[in-house]
All heavy atoms as atom14 arrays in JSON, in Angstrom:
{
  "sequence": "AISKDGAKSSFYLQMNTLRPDDTAVYYCGAFLWGAVK",
  "atom14_mask": [
    [1, 1, 1, 1, 1, 0, 0, 0, 0, 0, 0, 0, 0, 0],
    [1, 1, 1, 1, 1, 1, 1, 1, 0, 0, 0, 0, 0, 0],
    [1, 1, 1, 1, 1, 1, 0, 0, 0, 0, 0, 0, 0, 0],
    [1, 1, 1, 1, 1, 1, 1, 1, 1, 0, 0, 0, 0, 0],
    [1, 1, 1, 1, 1, 1, 1, 1, 0, 0, 0, 0, 0, 0],
    [1, 1, 1, 1, 0, 0, 0, 0, 0, 0, 0, 0, 0, 0],
    [1, 1, 1, 1, 1, 0, 0, 0, 0, 0, 0, 0, 0, 0],
    [1, 1, 1, 1, 1, 1, 1, 1, 1, 0, 0, 0, 0, 0],
    [1, 1, 1, 1, 1, 1, 0, 0, 0, 0, 0, 0, 0, 0],
    [1, 1, 1, 1, 1, 1, 0, 0, 0, 0, 0, 0, 0, 0],
    [1, 1, 1, 1, 1, 1, 1, 1, 1, 1, 1, 0, 0, 0],
    [1, 1, 1, 1, 1, 1, 1, 1, 1, 1, 1, 1, 0, 0],
    [1, 1, 1, 1, 1, 1, 1, 1, 0, 0, 0, 0, 0, 0],
    [1, 1, 1, 1, 1, 1, 1, 1, 1, 0, 0, 0, 0, 0],
    [1, 1, 1, 1, 1, 1, 1, 1, 0, 0, 0, 0, 0, 0],
    [1, 1, 1, 1, 1, 1, 1, 1, 0, 0, 0, 0, 0, 0],
    [1, 1, 1, 1, 1, 1, 1, 0, 0, 0, 0, 0, 0, 0],
    [1, 1, 1, 1, 1, 1, 1, 1, 0, 0, 0, 0, 0, 0],
    [1, 1, 1, 1, 1, 1, 1, 1, 1, 1, 1, 0, 0, 0],
    [1, 1, 1, 1, 1, 1, 1, 0, 0, 0, 0, 0, 0, 0],
    [1, 1, 1, 1, 1, 1, 1, 1, 0, 0, 0, 0, 0, 0],
    [1, 1, 1, 1, 1, 1, 1, 1, 0, 0, 0, 0, 0, 0],
    [1, 1, 1, 1, 1, 1, 1, 0, 0, 0, 0, 0, 0, 0],
    [1, 1, 1, 1, 1, 0, 0, 0, 0, 0, 0, 0, 0, 0],
    [1, 1, 1, 1, 1, 1, 1, 0, 0, 0, 0, 0, 0, 0],
    [1, 1, 1, 1, 1, 1, 1, 1, 1, 1, 1, 1, 0, 0],
    [1, 1, 1, 1, 1, 1, 1, 1, 1, 1, 1, 1, 0, 0],
    [1, 1, 1, 1, 1, 1, 0, 0, 0, 0, 0, 0, 0, 0],
    [1, 1, 1, 1, 0, 0, 0, 0, 0, 0, 0, 0, 0, 0],
    [1, 1, 1, 1, 1, 0, 0, 0, 0, 0, 0, 0, 0, 0],
    [1, 1, 1, 1, 1, 1, 1, 1, 1, 1, 1, 0, 0, 0],
    [1, 1, 1, 1, 1, 1, 1, 1, 0, 0, 0, 0, 0, 0],
    [1, 1, 1, 1, 1, 1, 1, 1, 1, 1, 1, 1, 1, 1],
    [1, 1, 1, 1, 0, 0, 0, 0, 0, 0, 0, 0, 0, 0],
    [1, 1, 1, 1, 1, 0, 0, 0, 0, 0, 0, 0, 0, 0],
    [1, 1, 1, 1, 1, 1, 1, 0, 0, 0, 0, 0, 0, 0],
    [1, 1, 1, 1, 1, 1, 1, 1, 1, 0, 0, 0, 0, 0]
  ],
  "atom14_positions": [
    [[100.07, 98.8, 118.35], [99.89, 97.81, 117.21], [98.77, 96.89, 117.54], [98.86, 96.22, 118.62], [101.22, 97.03, 116.82], [0.0, 0.0, 0.0], [0.0, 0.0, 0.0], [0.0, 0.0, 0.0], [0.0, 0.0, 0.0], [0.0, 0.0, 0.0], [0.0, 0.0, 0.0], [0.0, 0.0, 0.0], [0.0, 0.0, 0.0], [0.0, 0.0, 0.0]],
    [[97.86, 96.66, 116.74], [96.7, 95.72, 116.9], [97.04, 94.63, 116.11], [97.53, 94.55, 114.98], [95.36, 96.44, 116.51], [94.17, 95.47, 116.94], [95.28, 96.82, 115.06], [92.92, 96.08, 116.7], [0.0, 0.0, 0.0], [0.0, 0.0, 0.0], [0.0, 0.0, 0.0], [0.0, 0.0, 0.0], [0.0, 0.0, 0.0], [0.0, 0.0, 0.0]],
    [[96.67, 93.46, 116.63], [96.86, 92.05, 115.92], [95.74, 91.14, 116.43], [95.17, 91.43, 117.47], [98.18, 91.59, 116.12], [98.41, 91.34, 117.57], [0.0, 0.0, 0.0], [0.0, 0.0, 0.0], [0.0, 0.0, 0.0], [0.0, 0.0, 0.0], [0.0, 0.0, 0.0], [0.0, 0.0, 0.0], [0.0, 0.0, 0.0], [0.0, 0.0, 0.0]],
    [[95.65, 90.05, 115.65], [94.72, 89.14, 116.04], [95.17, 87.71, 115.83], [95.97, 87.57, 114.83], [93.27, 89.28, 115.43], [93.23, 89.09, 113.95], [91.84, 89.15, 113.47], [91.72, 89.15, 111.93], [90.3, 89.15, 111.49], [0.0, 0.0, 0.0], [0.0, 0.0, 0.0], [0.0, 0.0, 0.0], [0.0, 0.0, 0.0], [0.0, 0.0, 0.0]],
    [[94.61, 86.68, 116.53], [94.97, 85.32, 116.26], [93.62, 84.55, 116.14], [93.05, 84.29, 117.25], [95.89, 84.89, 117.33], [96.28, 83.4, 117.12], [95.64, 82.55, 116.36], [97.43, 83.06, 117.7], [0.0, 0.0, 0.0], [0.0, 0.0, 0.0], [0.0, 0.0, 0.0], [0.0, 0.0, 0.0], [0.0, 0.0, 0.0], [0.0, 0.0, 0.0]],
    [[93.14, 84.34, 114.98], [91.88, 83.61, 114.77], [91.78, 82.28, 115.38], [90.87, 81.84, 116.05], [0.0, 0.0, 0.0], [0.0, 0.0, 0.0], [0.0, 0.0, 0.0], [0.0, 0.0, 0.0], [0.0, 0.0, 0.0], [0.0, 0.0, 0.0], [0.0, 0.0, 0.0], [0.0, 0.0, 0.0], [0.0, 0.0, 0.0], [0.0, 0.0, 0.0]],
    [[92.86, 81.55, 115.41], [93.02, 80.28, 115.98], [92.79, 80.23, 117.4], [92.34, 79.28, 118.05], [94.37, 79.52, 115.58], [0.0, 0.0, 0.0], [0.0, 0.0, 0.0], [0.0, 0.0, 0.0], [0.0, 0.0, 0.0], [0.0, 0.0, 0.0], [0.0, 0.0, 0.0], [0.0, 0.0, 0.0], [0.0, 0.0, 0.0], [0.0, 0.0, 0.0]],
    [[93.3, 81.3, 118.12], [93.09, 81.44, 119.52], [91.86, 82.36, 119.88], [91.62, 82.63, 121.15], [94.35, 82.12, 120.07], [95.63, 81.31, 120.07], [96.87, 81.92, 120.8], [97.95, 80.98, 120.74], [99.14, 81.55, 121.25], [0.0, 0.0, 0.0], [0.0, 0.0, 0.0], [0.0, 0.0, 0.0], [0.0, 0.0, 0.0], [0.0, 0.0, 0.0]],
    [[91.13, 82.79, 118.87], [89.9, 83.64, 119.09], [90.34, 84.78, 119.93], [89.53, 85.13, 120.86], [88.87, 82.78, 119.74], [88.45, 81.76, 118.93], [0.0, 0.0, 0.0], [0.0, 0.0, 0.0], [0.0, 0.0, 0.0], [0.0, 0.0, 0.0], [0.0, 0.0, 0.0], [0.0, 0.0, 0.0], [0.0, 0.0, 0.0], [0.0, 0.0, 0.0]],
    [[91.42, 85.43, 119.74], [91.92, 86.49, 120.56], [92.36, 87.68, 119.66], [92.92, 87.33, 118.5], [93.02, 86.1, 121.49], [92.45, 85.1, 122.47], [0.0, 0.0, 0.0], [0.0, 0.0, 0.0], [0.0, 0.0, 0.0], [0.0, 0.0, 0.0], [0.0, 0.0, 0.0], [0.0, 0.0, 0.0], [0.0, 0.0, 0.0], [0.0, 0.0, 0.0]],
    [[92.44, 88.81, 120.18], [93.06, 89.9, 119.54], [93.78, 90.75, 120.59], [93.49, 90.68, 121.79], [92.29, 90.77, 118.49], [91.09, 91.41, 119.05], [91.17, 92.79, 119.3], [89.9, 90.75, 119.23], [89.96, 93.35, 119.77], [88.72, 91.32, 119.7], [88.85, 92.77, 119.92], [0.0, 0.0, 0.0], [0.0, 0.0, 0.0], [0.0, 0.0, 0.0]],
    [[94.81, 91.6, 120.08], [95.78, 92.18, 121.1], [95.97, 93.54, 120.69], [95.78, 94.04, 119.58], [97.1, 91.45, 120.99], [97.02, 89.94, 121.09], [96.81, 89.18, 119.88], [96.93, 89.19, 122.26], [96.7, 87.69, 119.94], [96.67, 87.81, 122.31], [96.6, 87.13, 121.18], [96.41, 85.84, 121.24], [0.0, 0.0, 0.0], [0.0, 0.0, 0.0]],
    [[96.5, 94.32, 121.7], [96.96, 95.68, 121.53], [98.27, 95.81, 122.17], [98.37, 95.74, 123.47], [95.93, 96.78, 122.06], [96.38, 98.28, 121.73], [96.26, 98.5, 120.28], [95.51, 99.17, 122.53], [0.0, 0.0, 0.0], [0.0, 0.0, 0.0], [0.0, 0.0, 0.0], [0.0, 0.0, 0.0], [0.0, 0.0, 0.0], [0.0, 0.0, 0.0]],
    [[99.3, 95.84, 121.43], [100.76, 96.1, 122.02], [100.84, 97.58, 122.03], [100.72, 98.3, 121.03], [101.76, 95.45, 121.0], [103.18, 95.76, 121.41], [103.48, 94.96, 122.75], [103.05, 93.8, 122.9], [104.21, 95.64, 123.59], [0.0, 0.0, 0.0], [0.0, 0.0, 0.0], [0.0, 0.0, 0.0], [0.0, 0.0, 0.0], [0.0, 0.0, 0.0]],
    [[101.17, 98.13, 123.17], [101.24, 99.43, 123.57], [102.67, 99.77, 123.99], [103.09, 99.28, 125.06], [100.26, 99.9, 124.61], [98.78, 99.54, 124.25], [97.71, 100.32, 125.44], [97.99, 99.37, 126.93], [0.0, 0.0, 0.0], [0.0, 0.0, 0.0], [0.0, 0.0, 0.0], [0.0, 0.0, 0.0], [0.0, 0.0, 0.0], [0.0, 0.0, 0.0]],
    [[103.47, 100.58, 123.26], [104.8, 100.82, 123.47], [104.93, 102.27, 123.82], [104.17, 103.16, 123.47], [105.69, 100.43, 122.38], [105.7, 98.91, 122.07], [105.64, 98.11, 123.02], [105.82, 98.6, 120.84], [0.0, 0.0, 0.0], [0.0, 0.0, 0.0], [0.0, 0.0, 0.0], [0.0, 0.0, 0.0], [0.0, 0.0, 0.0], [0.0, 0.0, 0.0]],
    [[106.03, 102.69, 124.51], [106.25, 104.07, 124.81], [105.12, 104.73, 125.38], [104.68, 105.8, 124.86], [106.86, 104.71, 123.55], [107.65, 103.98, 122.73], [107.65, 106.06, 123.92], [0.0, 0.0, 0.0], [0.0, 0.0, 0.0], [0.0, 0.0, 0.0], [0.0, 0.0, 0.0], [0.0, 0.0, 0.0], [0.0, 0.0, 0.0], [0.0, 0.0, 0.0]],
    [[104.5, 104.12, 126.53], [103.35, 104.6, 126.98], [103.61, 106.09, 127.59], [104.61, 106.38, 128.08], [102.78, 103.74, 128.01], [102.17, 102.46, 127.35], [102.04, 101.39, 128.49], [100.66, 102.96, 126.97], [0.0, 0.0, 0.0], [0.0, 0.0, 0.0], [0.0, 0.0, 0.0], [0.0, 0.0, 0.0], [0.0, 0.0, 0.0], [0.0, 0.0, 0.0]],
    [[102.47, 106.89, 127.4], [102.6, 108.26, 128.06], [101.44, 108.53, 128.99], [100.44, 107.71, 128.88], [102.37, 109.17, 126.81], [103.31, 109.0, 125.68], [103.22, 110.07, 124.52], [101.94, 110.35, 124.2], [101.71, 110.66, 122.9], [102.73, 110.83, 121.93], [100.52, 111.09, 122.46], [0.0, 0.0, 0.0], [0.0, 0.0, 0.0], [0.0, 0.0, 0.0]],
    [[101.55, 109.41, 129.83], [100.36, 109.68, 130.77], [99.1, 109.82, 130.12], [98.06, 109.46, 130.75], [100.99, 110.95, 131.54], [102.46, 110.79, 131.61], [102.77, 110.21, 130.16], [0.0, 0.0, 0.0], [0.0, 0.0, 0.0], [0.0, 0.0, 0.0], [0.0, 0.0, 0.0], [0.0, 0.0, 0.0], [0.0, 0.0, 0.0], [0.0, 0.0, 0.0]],
    [[99.17, 110.45, 128.91], [97.82, 110.69, 128.3], [97.21, 109.39, 127.64], [96.04, 109.44, 127.01], [97.87, 111.84, 127.26], [98.79, 111.67, 126.19], [99.55, 110.59, 126.23], [98.96, 112.53, 125.29], [0.0, 0.0, 0.0], [0.0, 0.0, 0.0], [0.0, 0.0, 0.0], [0.0, 0.0, 0.0], [0.0, 0.0, 0.0], [0.0, 0.0, 0.0]],
    [[97.92, 108.29, 127.78], [97.29, 107.04, 127.36], [96.5, 106.47, 128.52], [95.77, 105.38, 128.24], [98.35, 106.07, 127.01], [99.18, 106.41, 125.75], [98.5, 106.84, 124.8], [100.32, 106.34, 125.77], [0.0, 0.0, 0.0], [0.0, 0.0, 0.0], [0.0, 0.0, 0.0], [0.0, 0.0, 0.0], [0.0, 0.0, 0.0], [0.0, 0.0, 0.0]],
    [[96.46, 107.09, 129.61], [95.72, 106.52, 130.87], [94.28, 106.53, 130.43], [93.66, 107.64, 130.05], [96.06, 107.45, 132.05], [97.38, 107.33, 132.42], [95.06, 107.13, 133.2], [0.0, 0.0, 0.0], [0.0, 0.0, 0.0], [0.0, 0.0, 0.0], [0.0, 0.0, 0.0], [0.0, 0.0, 0.0], [0.0, 0.0, 0.0], [0.0, 0.0, 0.0]],
    [[93.52, 105.37, 130.71], [92.18, 105.39, 130.37], [91.83, 103.88, 130.66], [92.58, 102.96, 130.97], [91.89, 105.51, 128.86], [0.0, 0.0, 0.0], [0.0, 0.0, 0.0], [0.0, 0.0, 0.0], [0.0, 0.0, 0.0], [0.0, 0.0, 0.0], [0.0, 0.0, 0.0], [0.0, 0.0, 0.0], [0.0, 0.0, 0.0], [0.0, 0.0, 0.0]],
    [[90.49, 103.63, 130.59], [89.88, 102.27, 130.54], [89.88, 101.85, 129.1], [89.3, 102.58, 128.32], [88.6, 102.13, 131.19], [88.04, 100.71, 131.16], [88.66, 102.67, 132.63], [0.0, 0.0, 0.0], [0.0, 0.0, 0.0], [0.0, 0.0, 0.0], [0.0, 0.0, 0.0], [0.0, 0.0, 0.0], [0.0, 0.0, 0.0], [0.0, 0.0, 0.0]],
    [[90.49, 100.78, 128.81], [90.53, 100.16, 127.52], [89.54, 99.06, 127.25], [89.46, 98.19, 128.06], [91.92, 99.7, 127.12], [92.9, 100.79, 126.78], [93.3, 101.62, 127.9], [93.23, 101.04, 125.62], [94.22, 102.8, 127.68], [94.19, 102.14, 125.31], [94.71, 102.96, 126.4], [95.51, 103.98, 126.14], [0.0, 0.0, 0.0], [0.0, 0.0, 0.0]],
    [[88.71, 99.23, 126.25], [87.63, 98.27, 125.88], [87.97, 97.51, 124.5], [88.37, 98.21, 123.68], [86.31, 98.86, 125.83], [85.9, 99.52, 127.04], [86.26, 100.93, 127.37], [85.08, 98.94, 128.08], [85.77, 101.57, 128.49], [84.71, 99.5, 129.12], [85.02, 100.88, 129.4], [84.63, 101.38, 130.57], [0.0, 0.0, 0.0], [0.0, 0.0, 0.0]],
    [[87.78, 96.34, 124.37], [87.72, 95.65, 123.15], [86.28, 95.55, 122.59], [85.45, 95.33, 123.42], [88.47, 94.29, 123.13], [87.81, 93.08, 124.21], [0.0, 0.0, 0.0], [0.0, 0.0, 0.0], [0.0, 0.0, 0.0], [0.0, 0.0, 0.0], [0.0, 0.0, 0.0], [0.0, 0.0, 0.0], [0.0, 0.0, 0.0], [0.0, 0.0, 0.0]],
    [[86.14, 95.63, 121.39], [84.84, 95.55, 120.7], [84.91, 94.77, 119.36], [85.85, 94.75, 118.77], [0.0, 0.0, 0.0], [0.0, 0.0, 0.0], [0.0, 0.0, 0.0], [0.0, 0.0, 0.0], [0.0, 0.0, 0.0], [0.0, 0.0, 0.0], [0.0, 0.0, 0.0], [0.0, 0.0, 0.0], [0.0, 0.0, 0.0], [0.0, 0.0, 0.0]],
    [[83.83, 94.17, 119.06], [83.62, 93.48, 117.74], [82.22, 93.92, 117.07], [81.3, 93.95, 117.82], [83.64, 91.92, 118.01], [0.0, 0.0, 0.0], [0.0, 0.0, 0.0], [0.0, 0.0, 0.0], [0.0, 0.0, 0.0], [0.0, 0.0, 0.0], [0.0, 0.0, 0.0], [0.0, 0.0, 0.0], [0.0, 0.0, 0.0], [0.0, 0.0, 0.0]],
    [[82.31, 94.2, 115.79], [81.14, 94.73, 115.16], [81.06, 94.22, 113.65], [82.12, 94.19, 113.03], [80.99, 96.27, 115.29], [82.15, 97.03, 114.73], [82.14, 97.65, 113.45], [83.36, 97.04, 115.55], [83.09, 98.3, 113.01], [84.35, 97.98, 115.04], [84.25, 98.46, 113.76], [0.0, 0.0, 0.0], [0.0, 0.0, 0.0], [0.0, 0.0, 0.0]],
    [[79.77, 94.04, 113.28], [79.68, 93.58, 111.94], [79.49, 94.71, 110.88], [80.19, 94.81, 109.9], [78.43, 92.78, 111.78], [78.49, 91.22, 112.25], [77.06, 90.55, 112.23], [79.5, 90.47, 111.39], [0.0, 0.0, 0.0], [0.0, 0.0, 0.0], [0.0, 0.0, 0.0], [0.0, 0.0, 0.0], [0.0, 0.0, 0.0], [0.0, 0.0, 0.0]],
    [[78.73, 95.69, 111.28], [78.46, 96.88, 110.47], [79.02, 98.15, 110.9], [78.92, 98.65, 111.97], [76.89, 96.86, 110.34], [76.28, 95.65, 109.97], [75.42, 94.92, 110.76], [76.45, 94.89, 108.78], [75.02, 93.83, 110.15], [75.66, 93.77, 109.05], [77.12, 95.1, 107.67], [75.63, 92.76, 107.92], [77.16, 94.1, 106.63], [76.46, 92.98, 106.78]],
    [[79.7, 98.76, 109.82], [80.34, 100.04, 110.12], [81.5, 100.22, 109.16], [81.32, 99.6, 108.04], [0.0, 0.0, 0.0], [0.0, 0.0, 0.0], [0.0, 0.0, 0.0], [0.0, 0.0, 0.0], [0.0, 0.0, 0.0], [0.0, 0.0, 0.0], [0.0, 0.0, 0.0], [0.0, 0.0, 0.0], [0.0, 0.0, 0.0], [0.0, 0.0, 0.0]],
    [[82.45, 101.09, 109.49], [83.5, 101.31, 108.49], [84.82, 101.36, 109.16], [85.1, 101.95, 110.23], [83.24, 102.64, 107.81], [0.0, 0.0, 0.0], [0.0, 0.0, 0.0], [0.0, 0.0, 0.0], [0.0, 0.0, 0.0], [0.0, 0.0, 0.0], [0.0, 0.0, 0.0], [0.0, 0.0, 0.0], [0.0, 0.0, 0.0], [0.0, 0.0, 0.0]],
    [[85.81, 100.58, 108.71], [87.23, 100.69, 109.1], [88.13, 100.87, 107.93], [88.25, 100.08, 106.98], [87.64, 99.43, 109.74], [89.05, 99.45, 110.27], [86.69, 99.02, 110.97], [0.0, 0.0, 0.0], [0.0, 0.0, 0.0], [0.0, 0.0, 0.0], [0.0, 0.0, 0.0], [0.0, 0.0, 0.0], [0.0, 0.0, 0.0], [0.0, 0.0, 0.0]],
    [[88.66, 102.09, 107.89], [89.68, 102.44, 106.87], [90.87, 103.04, 107.55], [90.81, 103.22, 108.81], [88.95, 103.48, 106.07], [87.68, 103.08, 105.33], [87.04, 104.04, 104.37], [85.61, 103.62, 103.87], [85.03, 104.69, 103.06], [0.0, 0.0, 0.0], [0.0, 0.0, 0.0], [0.0, 0.0, 0.0], [0.0, 0.0, 0.0], [0.0, 0.0, 0.0]]
  ]
}
């Protein structure tokens, strides 16, 4: 689950029931132009 707190200028990724195939380097990003649907 992704969430954000504008007052804290932070956002989060809650990861539950983790699996071995979730192993990776995780990056956060912010972008003005693109598409999120």
